């Protein structure tokens, strides 16, 4: 779902008549949303359930795709914010669920690294290429318009959500490790500062 959209975001905005400045603001809103919500979604997923967070990702991204049908700037801005939230969930909840489920089932630890290496090759490589080709087929060959990849992404996200709801079990983070947000920010700041000091030395 995510790879289908990427190549056509800028193009879609330009077909709606927005200039570079307005498009830039939309992109900044998406990245800013991801940066802001990325600091809390992992903790929320641990407390509320990672399966639930993955379902929330699907719903949020589907809503983001739906907003692409509107040429109104405010609606597109809402879509970018929703997309930023979804991206934060994509890069935290799914991996957390996988690691917890892997450990719960007692699988060998070396299998986990093998799973992630295959995910990088297939998900970040092969699927990205195929998604780009499929998006190009929808927009250029079939002439369905620049919003078609977003509709296709929404369909794939809905299928993914159905699979999650029907076959995944819920798992949570360790309650003993749940700290308040301020404590987490302090820990992150200390880790960044100490890493920078080591780097400079």
Protein backbone atom coordinates (compact mmCIF):
# COMPACT_ATOMS: atom_id res chain seq x y z
CA UNK A 1 0.00 0.00 0.00
CA UNK A 2 2.74 2.42 0.93
CA UNK A 3 4.93 1.84 -2.13
CA UNK A 4 2.08 2.38 -4.59
CA UNK A 5 1.53 5.97 -3.47
CA UNK A 6 5.01 7.43 -3.31
CA UNK A 7 5.75 8.19 -6.98
CA UNK A 8 2.41 9.91 -7.55
CA UNK A 9 1.96 12.19 -4.54
CA UNK A 10 3.72 15.21 -6.06
CA UNK A 11 2.19 14.55 -9.48
CA UNK A 12 -1.32 14.38 -8.03
CA UNK A 13 -0.90 17.67 -6.18
CA UNK A 14 0.44 19.36 -9.31
CA UNK A 15 -2.54 18.14 -11.38
CA UNK A 16 -4.79 19.83 -8.81
CA UNK A 17 -3.04 23.09 -9.67
CA UNK A 18 -0.89 23.58 -6.56
CA UNK A 19 2.49 25.25 -6.86
CA UNK A 20 5.82 24.15 -5.40
CA UNK A 21 5.30 26.18 -2.23
CA UNK A 22 1.93 24.66 -1.40
CA UNK A 23 3.11 21.17 -2.29
CA UNK A 24 6.15 21.72 -0.10
CA UNK A 25 3.89 22.67 2.81
CA UNK A 26 1.86 19.48 2.30
CA UNK A 27 5.02 17.36 2.36
CA UNK A 28 6.34 19.16 5.45
CA UNK A 29 3.01 18.51 7.20
CA UNK A 30 3.32 14.79 6.45
CA UNK A 31 6.91 14.53 7.64
CA UNK A 32 6.19 16.73 10.66
CA UNK A 33 3.21 14.58 11.59
CA UNK A 34 5.36 11.46 11.34
CA UNK A 35 8.07 13.06 13.47
CA UNK A 36 5.62 14.19 16.13
CA UNK A 37 3.53 11.03 16.39
CA UNK A 38 6.56 8.78 15.91
CA UNK A 39 7.65 9.69 19.44
CA UNK A 40 4.50 8.26 21.02
CA UNK A 41 3.01 5.57 18.76
CA UNK A 42 5.43 2.87 19.91
CA UNK A 43 4.54 3.42 23.54
CA UNK A 44 0.82 3.55 22.73
CA UNK A 45 1.07 0.33 20.72
CA UNK A 46 2.78 -1.40 23.66
CA UNK A 47 0.00 -0.33 26.02
CA UNK A 48 -3.06 -0.61 23.76
CA UNK A 49 -1.97 -3.63 21.74
CA UNK A 50 0.25 -3.98 18.68
CA UNK A 51 -2.36 -5.81 16.61
CA UNK A 52 -4.74 -2.94 17.27
CA UNK A 53 -2.03 -0.48 16.24
CA UNK A 54 -1.53 -2.35 12.95
CA UNK A 55 -5.26 -2.20 12.27
CA UNK A 56 -5.16 1.52 13.11
CA UNK A 57 -2.38 1.91 10.54
CA UNK A 58 -4.56 0.34 7.85
CA UNK A 59 -7.58 2.50 8.72
CA UNK A 60 -5.53 5.70 8.96
CA UNK A 61 -3.79 5.10 5.64
CA UNK A 62 -7.05 4.20 3.89
CA UNK A 63 -8.51 7.51 5.10
CA UNK A 64 -5.39 9.28 3.86
CA UNK A 65 -5.87 7.67 0.43
CA UNK A 66 -9.52 8.73 0.32
CA UNK A 67 -8.56 12.39 0.88
CA UNK A 68 -6.57 12.30 -2.37
CA UNK A 69 -9.86 12.47 -4.29
CA UNK A 70 -10.40 16.03 -3.08
CA UNK A 71 -8.66 18.99 -4.73
CA UNK A 72 -9.24 21.09 -1.60
CA UNK A 73 -6.03 22.09 0.15
CA UNK A 74 -7.40 21.59 3.69
CA UNK A 75 -8.61 18.07 2.91
CA UNK A 76 -5.26 17.18 1.36
CA UNK A 77 -3.52 18.60 4.44
CA UNK A 78 -5.62 16.34 6.69
CA UNK A 79 -4.62 13.46 4.44
CA UNK A 80 -0.94 14.29 4.84
CA UNK A 81 -1.27 14.38 8.64
CA UNK A 82 -3.07 11.03 8.58
CA UNK A 83 -0.35 9.67 6.30
CA UNK A 84 2.32 10.82 8.75
CA UNK A 85 0.58 9.03 11.62
CA UNK A 86 0.26 5.90 9.48
CA UNK A 87 3.95 5.99 8.57
CA UNK A 88 4.88 6.17 12.26
CA UNK A 89 2.74 3.10 12.92
CA UNK A 90 4.17 1.28 9.90
CA UNK A 91 7.73 1.56 11.17
CA UNK A 92 7.01 0.55 14.76
CA UNK A 93 3.90 -1.56 15.37
CA UNK A 94 4.43 -4.30 12.79
CA UNK A 95 8.01 -5.12 13.80
CA UNK A 96 7.12 -4.99 17.49
CA UNK A 97 4.23 -7.40 16.91
CA UNK A 98 6.46 -9.76 14.93
CA UNK A 99 9.24 -9.87 17.52
CA UNK A 100 6.80 -10.44 20.41
CA UNK A 101 4.91 -13.15 18.50
CA UNK A 102 8.18 -14.82 17.47
CA UNK A 103 9.35 -14.97 21.09
CA UNK A 104 5.93 -16.06 22.36
CA UNK A 105 5.94 -19.06 20.02
CA UNK A 106 9.45 -20.04 21.08
CA UNK A 107 11.04 -19.86 17.64
CA UNK A 108 14.83 -19.72 17.30
CA UNK A 109 16.30 -16.23 17.48
CA UNK A 110 18.32 -16.68 14.28
CA UNK A 111 15.07 -17.09 12.36
CA UNK A 112 14.14 -13.53 13.30
CA UNK A 113 17.15 -12.02 11.53
CA UNK A 114 16.42 -14.22 8.51
CA UNK A 115 12.82 -12.97 8.47
CA UNK A 116 13.92 -9.33 8.61
CA UNK A 117 16.52 -9.79 5.86
CA UNK A 118 13.88 -11.35 3.59
CA UNK A 119 11.46 -8.54 4.47
CA UNK A 120 14.06 -5.95 3.43
CA UNK A 121 14.79 -7.71 0.14
CA UNK A 122 11.18 -8.49 -0.73
CA UNK A 123 9.39 -5.54 0.92
CA UNK A 124 11.87 -2.75 0.31
CA UNK A 125 13.20 -4.10 -2.96
CA UNK A 126 11.08 -6.39 -5.07
CA UNK A 127 7.66 -5.18 -3.86
CA UNK A 128 8.71 -1.54 -4.31
CA UNK A 129 9.67 -2.22 -7.94
CA UNK A 130 6.49 -4.18 -8.67
CA UNK A 131 4.38 -1.49 -6.98
CA UNK A 132 5.98 1.19 -9.14
CA UNK A 133 5.28 -0.82 -12.29
CA UNK A 134 1.69 -1.49 -11.19
CA UNK A 135 1.13 2.19 -10.40
CA UNK A 136 2.50 3.13 -13.81
CA UNK A 137 0.16 0.59 -15.42
CA UNK A 138 -2.85 2.15 -13.68
CA UNK A 139 -1.96 5.75 -14.46
CA UNK A 140 -0.39 5.57 -17.93
CA UNK A 141 -1.35 2.31 -19.64
CA UNK A 142 -4.93 2.10 -18.34
CA UNK A 143 -5.33 5.91 -18.13
CA UNK A 144 -7.18 5.73 -14.80
CA UNK A 145 -5.73 9.02 -13.57
CA UNK A 146 -3.20 10.01 -10.88
CA UNK A 147 -5.53 9.03 -8.01
CA UNK A 148 -5.71 5.38 -9.17
CA UNK A 149 -2.58 4.23 -7.25
CA UNK A 150 -4.09 5.60 -4.05
CA UNK A 151 -7.32 3.68 -4.65
CA UNK A 152 -5.31 0.52 -5.32
CA UNK A 153 -3.30 1.12 -2.14
CA UNK A 154 -6.54 1.45 -0.15
CA UNK A 155 -7.70 -1.90 -1.53
CA UNK A 156 -4.44 -3.61 -0.53
CA UNK A 157 -4.63 -2.00 2.90
CA UNK A 158 -8.19 -3.28 3.36
CA UNK A 159 -7.05 -6.81 2.42
CA UNK A 160 -4.15 -6.52 4.87
CA UNK A 161 -6.49 -5.35 7.62
CA UNK A 162 -8.81 -8.31 6.98
CA UNK A 163 -5.85 -10.70 7.30
CA UNK A 164 -4.71 -9.05 10.54
CA UNK A 165 -8.19 -9.18 12.07
CA UNK A 166 -8.77 -12.79 11.08
CA UNK A 167 -5.41 -14.39 11.84
CA UNK A 168 -3.28 -12.30 14.23
CA UNK A 169 -3.31 -12.58 18.00
CA UNK A 170 -2.87 -9.52 20.21
CA UNK A 171 0.34 -8.84 22.11
CA UNK A 172 1.48 -6.04 24.39
CA UNK A 173 4.72 -4.55 25.67
CA UNK A 174 6.21 -5.44 29.03
CA UNK A 175 4.20 -3.48 31.65
CA UNK A 176 7.30 -3.14 33.82
CA UNK A 177 8.99 -1.18 31.01
CA UNK A 178 6.09 1.23 30.44
CA UNK A 179 7.36 4.66 31.43
CA UNK A 180 5.68 8.00 31.11
CA UNK A 181 6.37 10.04 27.99
CA UNK A 182 8.63 12.59 29.71
CA UNK A 183 10.85 9.82 31.09
CA UNK A 184 11.12 8.31 27.61
CA UNK A 185 12.12 11.67 26.11
CA UNK A 186 14.77 12.15 28.81
CA UNK A 187 16.16 8.67 28.13
CA UNK A 188 16.25 9.35 24.39
CA UNK A 189 18.00 12.71 24.91
CA UNK A 190 20.63 11.08 27.15
CA UNK A 191 21.19 8.30 24.59
CA UNK A 192 21.58 10.81 21.74
CA UNK A 193 23.92 13.04 23.77
CA UNK A 194 26.11 10.14 24.91
CA UNK A 195 26.27 8.80 21.35
CA UNK A 196 27.33 12.21 20.07
CA UNK A 197 30.04 12.48 22.74
CA UNK A 198 31.39 9.02 21.83
CA UNK A 199 31.32 9.97 18.14
CA UNK A 200 33.27 13.18 18.78
CA UNK A 201 35.85 11.28 20.87
